[in-house]
Amino acid sequence: MLFTKDAIEQRRSIRKFKRDPVPDEHIRALIDAARLAPSGSNAQPWRFKVIKDADTRAKLAQAAYGQSFIAQAPVVVVCCADIRGYLEDITARVHELRQTSTIEPGLKQRIRERLEEQKTHDVSQVIPLITFNVAIAIEHIVLRALDFELGSCWVRLIDEQAIKDMFGWGDEVSVVALLPIGYPDESPPPRKRRTTEEITLD
């Protein structure tokens, strides 16, 4: 049995994959892991497009500035944020939290004020606030993948507009990352990490 500590320590960025297909039930389990991730005000703004066909994977590799290993992975998950859905639903989500008393009464007014502020901002200012939630969900996928002996690799060096054009997405969607997934055909050694003391502030 793989424990969370083991998964965190064993995770590697995989850039060489075997040709073996990933079973659909494993893919569903990965997306379900993302579904259960925490998010601010329980907004759940993540959206995922699972790509298995070779032509589209090749196009995604080109949209990632020619990172060919993306095309070689049997599955690529396009990880996105639903910007419009977040802005339309967040008030209802906060109301749900108030109803269940999961936020302190003193915070309710401040949250309402912040939501109103966000609605007056340019969308580009709001996107970073939304997409960090997607990053949490992606990491759930990355760690859950190890339960199936699958490897993955975060890819943030992408031409977002090219990817959006591929799928006909407008400004309502922000592409956060590509996540190639498959059975590893390499076993990279651990990379150097800072010590606990180095990352702990006094």
Foldseek 3Di string as FASTA:
>chain_A
DADLVNLVVQADAFLAFDQDADDPVLVVVLLVLLQPFDAVLSLSFKDKDKDQDLVVQCLQCVQLVNSCSSSSFRIKIFIKGQLVSSLVCSVVSNVVCVVVVVDDPVCSVVVVVVSVVCVPDDSVVCVVNGCVSSVRSVVSSQSSLVVVQKHKHWRQSGNFVSVCVVVVHDPSMGGRTMIRMHHHPDRDDDDDDDDPVVPDDD
